[in-house]
Amino acid sequence: MKRELLLKTEPALKKSRESWFSKIGRLFNRYRVEEELWEGLEELLILADVGVATTEKLIQNVRKRAREERLSQGSEIRLALKKEMVQMLTVNSDRGVSRTGERRVILVVGVNGSGKTTSIAKLAYSFKKEGKPVILAAADTFRAAAIDQLKLWGKRAGAEVIAYKPGGDPGAVVFDTLQAAQSRHVPIVIVDTAGRLHTKFNLMEELKKIKRVVSRWQDVFEEEVLLVMDATTGQNGLAQARYFTEAIGVSGIFLAKLDGTAKGGIVLAICDQLKIPITYIGTGERLEDIALFAPETFVEAIFT
């Protein structure tokens, strides 16, 4: 399993590895560690989109470990850095997404353009490969294009899509989808939601209404809220994530388009600043280009 994850994760991190993290790795190709190493490390981590606050915390933790364990060689400090990264990426949250639930409804949220619809298709495809039928709910009723796009991707992924005409009630779509899943014994429901309305307030209120509909079925379906974030937006994505988290709570993050950025350090910023586990990463454009996120695998792949 670990080998399979590494084979999927490594290609997605090619740009990040070849730009900033290869330079970080080379910083430690020295016998003795001096102050200039820490300065160079800080600069490269910030350039890799780790963010100032998270970079400072990471370096402080590594320096503390170096003092306590009396590390002085470059190779020892690099290993300490990798261990601290893994620890930072290991977010312990009781809201975390689990793939063990027999019957589950996954409410997928995120701004338009983040890769939400394709990420839903990838999720559906991965569940289908596990032998778990999936029904998709087209609850972004505010855009006709969103409904059509979900139908197209649902067909590609082999998942049924329940949809109304544009302008319909999103809550009603979700209710009917859950009812259909219960009666047909379909274990997985994935709900697409709007990513933009006239104001953020309207959007969040609409999402809260949908979440209330889902919560009425908690005796039947285990409920999850999955936020799709576009890795290429970097630090700007953190502000978006906070809006969704404060409004409806987020169980986990699907980090899409990771293969499209050279700044994979955003992964560290997400886990440190938001304290929400990254559960999936998008590793390419195909339906099968999805991987479970594993901290050890990520760190190993980014320094390979």
Protein backbone atom coordinates (compact mmCIF):
# COMPACT_ATOMS: atom_id res chain seq x y z
CA MET A 1 0.00 0.00 0.00
CA LYS A 2 2.80 2.41 0.93
CA ARG A 3 4.63 1.67 -2.33
CA GLU A 4 1.44 2.26 -4.33
CA LEU A 5 0.87 5.61 -2.59
CA LEU A 6 4.45 6.67 -3.27
CA LEU A 7 4.13 5.81 -6.97
CA LYS A 8 1.04 8.03 -7.18
CA THR A 9 2.37 10.86 -5.02
CA GLU A 10 5.84 11.24 -6.55
CA PRO A 11 4.68 12.41 -10.02
CA ALA A 12 2.29 14.96 -8.44
CA LEU A 13 5.20 16.55 -6.59
CA LYS A 14 7.60 16.65 -9.53
CA LYS A 15 7.43 20.46 -9.93
CA SER A 16 7.79 21.13 -6.21
CA ARG A 17 10.62 18.63 -5.85
CA GLU A 18 12.59 19.95 -8.81
CA SER A 19 12.25 23.59 -7.79
CA TRP A 20 12.40 24.37 -4.08
CA PHE A 21 12.70 21.10 -2.22
CA SER A 22 15.69 19.83 -4.18
CA LYS A 23 17.44 23.06 -3.14
CA ILE A 24 16.40 22.47 0.46
CA GLY A 25 17.84 18.98 0.28
CA ARG A 26 21.16 20.29 -1.05
CA LEU A 27 21.45 22.73 1.85
CA PHE A 28 22.34 19.79 4.07
CA ASN A 29 25.16 18.48 1.87
CA ARG A 30 27.72 19.71 4.35
CA TYR A 31 29.44 18.22 7.36
CA ARG A 32 28.89 21.05 9.82
CA VAL A 33 25.75 23.13 10.32
CA GLU A 34 26.20 26.89 10.57
CA GLU A 35 23.81 29.85 10.89
CA GLU A 36 23.70 30.45 7.15
CA LEU A 37 22.02 27.07 6.72
CA TRP A 38 19.05 28.15 8.84
CA GLU A 39 18.77 31.42 6.92
CA GLY A 40 18.83 29.59 3.60
CA LEU A 41 16.27 27.08 4.86
CA GLU A 42 13.90 29.86 5.94
CA GLU A 43 14.11 31.57 2.56
CA LEU A 44 13.49 28.38 0.57
CA LEU A 45 10.57 27.25 2.72
CA ILE A 46 8.84 30.60 2.28
CA LEU A 47 9.46 30.47 -1.49
CA ALA A 48 7.91 26.98 -1.48
CA ASP A 49 4.69 28.53 -0.06
CA VAL A 50 5.04 27.13 3.43
CA GLY A 51 4.20 30.61 4.74
CA VAL A 52 6.06 32.81 7.21
CA ALA A 53 4.34 31.66 10.42
CA THR A 54 4.56 27.96 9.59
CA THR A 55 8.17 28.32 8.41
CA GLU A 56 9.18 29.95 11.69
CA LYS A 57 7.46 27.23 13.70
CA LEU A 58 9.06 24.46 11.65
CA ILE A 59 12.59 25.89 11.96
CA GLN A 60 12.16 26.47 15.70
CA ASN A 61 11.10 22.85 16.14
CA VAL A 62 14.03 21.54 14.10
CA ARG A 63 16.55 23.71 15.98
CA LYS A 64 15.11 22.56 19.31
CA ARG A 65 15.39 18.93 18.23
CA ALA A 66 18.97 19.53 17.07
CA ARG A 67 19.91 20.99 20.48
CA GLU A 68 18.21 18.28 22.51
CA GLU A 69 19.58 15.44 20.40
CA ARG A 70 22.96 17.14 19.89
CA LEU A 71 22.77 16.98 16.11
CA SER A 72 25.48 18.79 14.21
CA GLN A 73 25.89 17.15 10.79
CA GLY A 74 23.87 18.22 7.77
CA SER A 75 22.46 14.73 7.19
CA GLU A 76 21.22 14.60 10.79
CA ILE A 77 19.49 17.97 10.50
CA ARG A 78 17.83 16.96 7.23
CA LEU A 79 16.43 13.85 8.90
CA ALA A 80 15.20 16.00 11.81
CA LEU A 81 13.51 18.36 9.34
CA LYS A 82 11.72 15.46 7.65
CA LYS A 83 10.52 14.14 11.01
CA GLU A 84 9.19 17.55 12.00
CA MET A 85 7.40 17.86 8.65
CA VAL A 86 5.72 14.49 9.13
CA GLN A 87 4.65 15.51 12.63
CA MET A 88 3.21 18.80 11.34
CA LEU A 89 1.31 17.00 8.59
CA THR A 90 -0.15 14.46 11.00
CA VAL A 91 -3.25 16.34 12.08
CA ASN A 92 -5.18 14.55 14.77
CA SER A 93 -8.79 15.56 14.31
CA ASP A 94 -11.96 13.78 15.37
CA ARG A 95 -13.56 15.38 12.32
CA GLY A 96 -11.25 13.53 9.95
CA VAL A 97 -12.69 11.74 6.93
CA SER A 98 -12.72 7.97 7.21
CA ARG A 99 -13.27 5.44 4.45
CA THR A 100 -14.57 2.81 6.89
CA GLY A 101 -18.20 3.94 7.16
CA GLU A 102 -20.64 1.50 5.55
CA ARG A 103 -23.06 4.23 4.45
CA ARG A 104 -21.73 7.72 3.96
CA VAL A 105 -22.77 11.09 2.59
CA ILE A 106 -19.92 13.37 1.57
CA LEU A 107 -20.81 17.03 1.27
CA VAL A 108 -18.23 18.54 -1.10
CA VAL A 109 -17.63 22.28 -0.83
CA GLY A 110 -15.21 24.75 -2.37
CA VAL A 111 -15.07 27.83 -4.57
CA ASN A 112 -15.82 27.59 -8.28
CA GLY A 113 -12.73 26.77 -10.29
CA SER A 114 -11.05 24.84 -7.48
CA GLY A 115 -11.48 21.53 -9.27
CA LYS A 116 -14.51 20.51 -7.24
CA THR A 117 -16.45 18.65 -9.93
CA THR A 118 -13.49 16.66 -11.24
CA SER A 119 -12.49 15.83 -7.66
CA ILE A 120 -16.01 14.50 -7.04
CA ALA A 121 -15.69 12.33 -10.15
CA LYS A 122 -12.34 10.99 -8.96
CA LEU A 123 -13.85 10.13 -5.58
CA ALA A 124 -16.80 8.39 -7.22
CA TYR A 125 -14.49 6.46 -9.52
CA SER A 126 -12.29 5.32 -6.62
CA PHE A 127 -15.31 4.11 -4.64
CA LYS A 128 -16.65 2.28 -7.70
CA LYS A 129 -13.29 0.50 -8.04
CA GLU A 130 -13.72 -0.66 -4.44
CA GLY A 131 -17.09 -2.14 -5.39
CA LYS A 132 -19.13 0.60 -3.71
CA PRO A 133 -21.93 2.11 -5.85
CA VAL A 134 -22.24 5.89 -5.73
CA ILE A 135 -25.02 8.42 -6.34
CA LEU A 136 -24.13 12.06 -6.98
CA ALA A 137 -26.41 14.95 -5.99
CA ALA A 138 -26.28 18.01 -8.25
CA ALA A 139 -26.96 20.55 -5.51
CA ASP A 140 -25.28 23.44 -7.33
CA THR A 141 -28.60 24.39 -8.89
CA PHE A 142 -27.60 28.01 -9.42
CA ARG A 143 -25.58 27.28 -12.57
CA ALA A 144 -26.90 25.17 -15.43
CA ALA A 145 -23.30 24.54 -16.48
CA ALA A 146 -22.53 23.01 -13.08
CA ILE A 147 -25.38 20.51 -13.43
CA ASP A 148 -24.32 19.56 -16.97
CA GLN A 149 -20.69 19.23 -15.93
CA LEU A 150 -21.55 16.92 -13.03
CA LYS A 151 -23.71 14.76 -15.30
CA LEU A 152 -20.84 14.47 -17.77
CA TRP A 153 -18.27 13.51 -15.13
CA GLY A 154 -20.76 11.22 -13.40
CA LYS A 155 -21.22 9.29 -16.64
CA ARG A 156 -17.44 8.97 -17.05
CA ALA A 157 -17.07 7.74 -13.47
CA GLY A 158 -20.00 5.34 -13.75
CA ALA A 159 -22.07 7.08 -11.09
CA GLU A 160 -25.75 8.01 -11.24
CA VAL A 161 -26.54 11.72 -10.93
CA ILE A 162 -29.75 13.09 -9.45
CA ALA A 163 -30.47 16.62 -10.64
CA TYR A 164 -33.27 19.17 -10.95
CA LYS A 165 -33.65 22.02 -13.41
CA PRO A 166 -31.46 25.08 -12.81
CA GLY A 167 -32.84 27.29 -10.05
CA GLY A 168 -34.32 24.40 -8.09
CA ASP A 169 -34.04 23.93 -4.34
CA PRO A 170 -30.60 22.43 -3.50
CA GLY A 171 -31.94 20.98 -0.24
CA ALA A 172 -34.66 19.11 -2.10
CA VAL A 173 -32.09 17.61 -4.47
CA VAL A 174 -30.05 16.38 -1.52
CA PHE A 175 -33.12 14.97 0.27
CA ASP A 176 -34.29 13.08 -2.83
CA THR A 177 -30.77 11.74 -3.44
CA LEU A 178 -30.45 10.43 0.11
CA GLN A 179 -33.92 8.90 -0.11
CA ALA A 180 -32.99 7.18 -3.37
CA ALA A 181 -29.72 5.90 -1.93
CA GLN A 182 -31.51 4.46 1.09
CA SER A 183 -34.20 2.71 -0.93
CA ARG A 184 -31.68 1.30 -3.45
CA HIS A 185 -29.12 0.37 -0.78
CA VAL A 186 -26.44 2.58 -2.36
CA PRO A 187 -23.77 3.11 0.31
CA ILE A 188 -22.11 6.33 -0.91
CA VAL A 189 -23.71 9.69 -1.67
CA ILE A 190 -21.53 12.59 -2.84
CA VAL A 191 -23.10 16.05 -2.91
CA ASP A 192 -21.88 18.81 -5.21
CA THR A 193 -22.58 22.31 -3.88
CA ALA A 194 -22.45 25.87 -5.13
CA GLY A 195 -19.09 27.59 -5.05
CA ARG A 196 -20.29 31.10 -5.58
CA LEU A 197 -23.46 33.13 -4.97
CA HIS A 198 -23.95 36.88 -4.90
CA THR A 199 -22.27 37.24 -1.52
CA LYS A 200 -20.25 34.95 0.76
CA PHE A 201 -23.03 35.26 3.33
CA ASN A 202 -25.64 33.91 0.91
CA LEU A 203 -23.34 31.07 -0.10
CA MET A 204 -22.63 29.99 3.46
CA GLU A 205 -26.29 30.23 4.47
CA GLU A 206 -27.20 27.99 1.52
CA LEU A 207 -24.54 25.47 2.53
CA LYS A 208 -25.83 25.50 6.11
CA LYS A 209 -29.33 24.66 4.83
CA ILE A 210 -27.96 21.73 2.83
CA LYS A 211 -25.99 20.52 5.86
CA ARG A 212 -29.15 20.60 7.96
CA VAL A 213 -30.88 18.36 5.41
CA VAL A 214 -27.95 15.93 5.52
CA SER A 215 -27.95 15.92 9.33
CA ARG A 216 -31.53 14.64 9.38
CA TRP A 217 -30.20 11.40 7.89
CA GLN A 218 -27.44 10.89 10.44
CA ASP A 219 -29.03 7.67 11.70
CA VAL A 220 -28.60 6.21 8.21
CA PHE A 221 -25.52 7.90 6.75
CA GLU A 222 -22.24 8.91 8.31
CA GLU A 223 -21.77 12.60 7.46
CA GLU A 224 -18.58 14.22 6.16
CA VAL A 225 -17.72 17.67 4.80
CA LEU A 226 -14.89 17.63 2.29
CA LEU A 227 -13.34 20.93 1.18
CA VAL A 228 -11.73 20.98 -2.26
CA MET A 229 -8.78 23.38 -2.35
CA ASP A 230 -6.81 24.36 -5.43
CA ALA A 231 -3.12 23.84 -4.58
CA THR A 232 -2.10 26.42 -7.18
CA THR A 233 -3.80 29.26 -5.27
CA GLY A 234 -1.30 28.88 -2.45
CA GLN A 235 -1.71 31.04 0.63
CA ASN A 236 -4.84 32.71 -0.79
CA GLY A 237 -6.62 29.37 -0.44
CA LEU A 238 -6.20 29.45 3.34
CA ALA A 239 -8.57 32.40 3.70
CA GLN A 240 -11.19 30.60 1.59
CA ALA A 241 -10.80 27.48 3.71
CA ARG A 242 -11.40 29.45 6.91
CA TYR A 243 -14.73 30.76 5.60
CA PHE A 244 -16.00 27.25 4.90
CA THR A 245 -14.67 25.84 8.17
CA GLU A 246 -16.26 28.55 10.30
CA ALA A 247 -19.60 28.25 8.50
CA ILE A 248 -20.20 24.51 8.27
CA GLY A 249 -17.20 22.69 9.71
CA VAL A 250 -14.85 20.73 7.48
CA SER A 251 -13.92 17.08 8.04
CA GLY A 252 -11.06 16.91 5.58
CA ILE A 253 -9.45 18.52 2.57
CA PHE A 254 -9.11 17.29 -1.00
CA LEU A 255 -6.08 19.16 -2.33
CA ALA A 256 -6.63 19.36 -6.09
CA LYS A 257 -4.14 20.28 -8.81
CA LEU A 258 -1.11 19.48 -6.65
CA ASP A 259 0.65 18.34 -9.81
CA GLY A 260 0.21 21.84 -11.27
CA THR A 261 2.20 23.80 -8.69
CA ALA A 262 5.88 24.12 -7.84
CA LYS A 263 4.91 25.31 -4.37
CA GLY A 264 3.91 22.09 -2.62
CA GLY A 265 4.81 23.65 0.72
CA ILE A 266 1.20 24.83 0.94
CA VAL A 267 0.45 21.36 2.31
CA LEU A 268 2.40 22.20 5.47
CA ALA A 269 0.66 25.56 5.82
CA ILE A 270 -2.78 23.95 5.51
CA CYS A 271 -2.15 21.39 8.24
CA ASP A 272 -0.44 23.87 10.56
CA GLN A 273 -2.78 26.84 10.12
CA LEU A 274 -6.15 25.12 9.66
CA LYS A 275 -5.65 22.00 11.80
CA ILE A 276 -7.75 20.05 9.30
CA PRO A 277 -6.40 16.79 7.85
CA ILE A 278 -5.65 16.54 4.16
CA THR A 279 -7.35 13.31 3.15
CA TYR A 280 -6.94 13.18 -0.64
CA ILE A 281 -4.66 14.76 -3.22
CA GLY A 282 -5.23 15.20 -6.93
CA THR A 283 -2.25 13.76 -8.78
CA GLY A 284 -3.23 14.47 -12.40
CA GLU A 285 -6.12 15.02 -14.78
CA ARG A 286 -7.40 11.45 -15.23
CA LEU A 287 -10.17 9.87 -13.15
CA GLU A 288 -7.68 7.52 -11.52
CA ASP A 289 -5.36 10.40 -10.55
CA ILE A 290 -6.30 10.51 -6.88
CA ALA A 291 -4.37 9.33 -3.84
CA LEU A 292 -4.98 9.12 -0.13
CA PHE A 293 -2.76 11.59 1.67
CA ALA A 294 -0.11 10.05 3.91
CA PRO A 295 2.34 12.40 5.70
CA GLU A 296 5.31 10.01 5.57
CA THR A 297 4.73 9.29 1.89
CA PHE A 298 4.42 12.99 1.06
CA VAL A 299 7.67 13.93 2.80
CA GLU A 300 9.51 10.99 1.26
CA ALA A 301 8.24 11.90 -2.21
CA ILE A 302 9.06 15.60 -1.98
CA PHE A 303 12.67 14.93 -1.01
CA THR A 304 13.26 11.97 -3.36
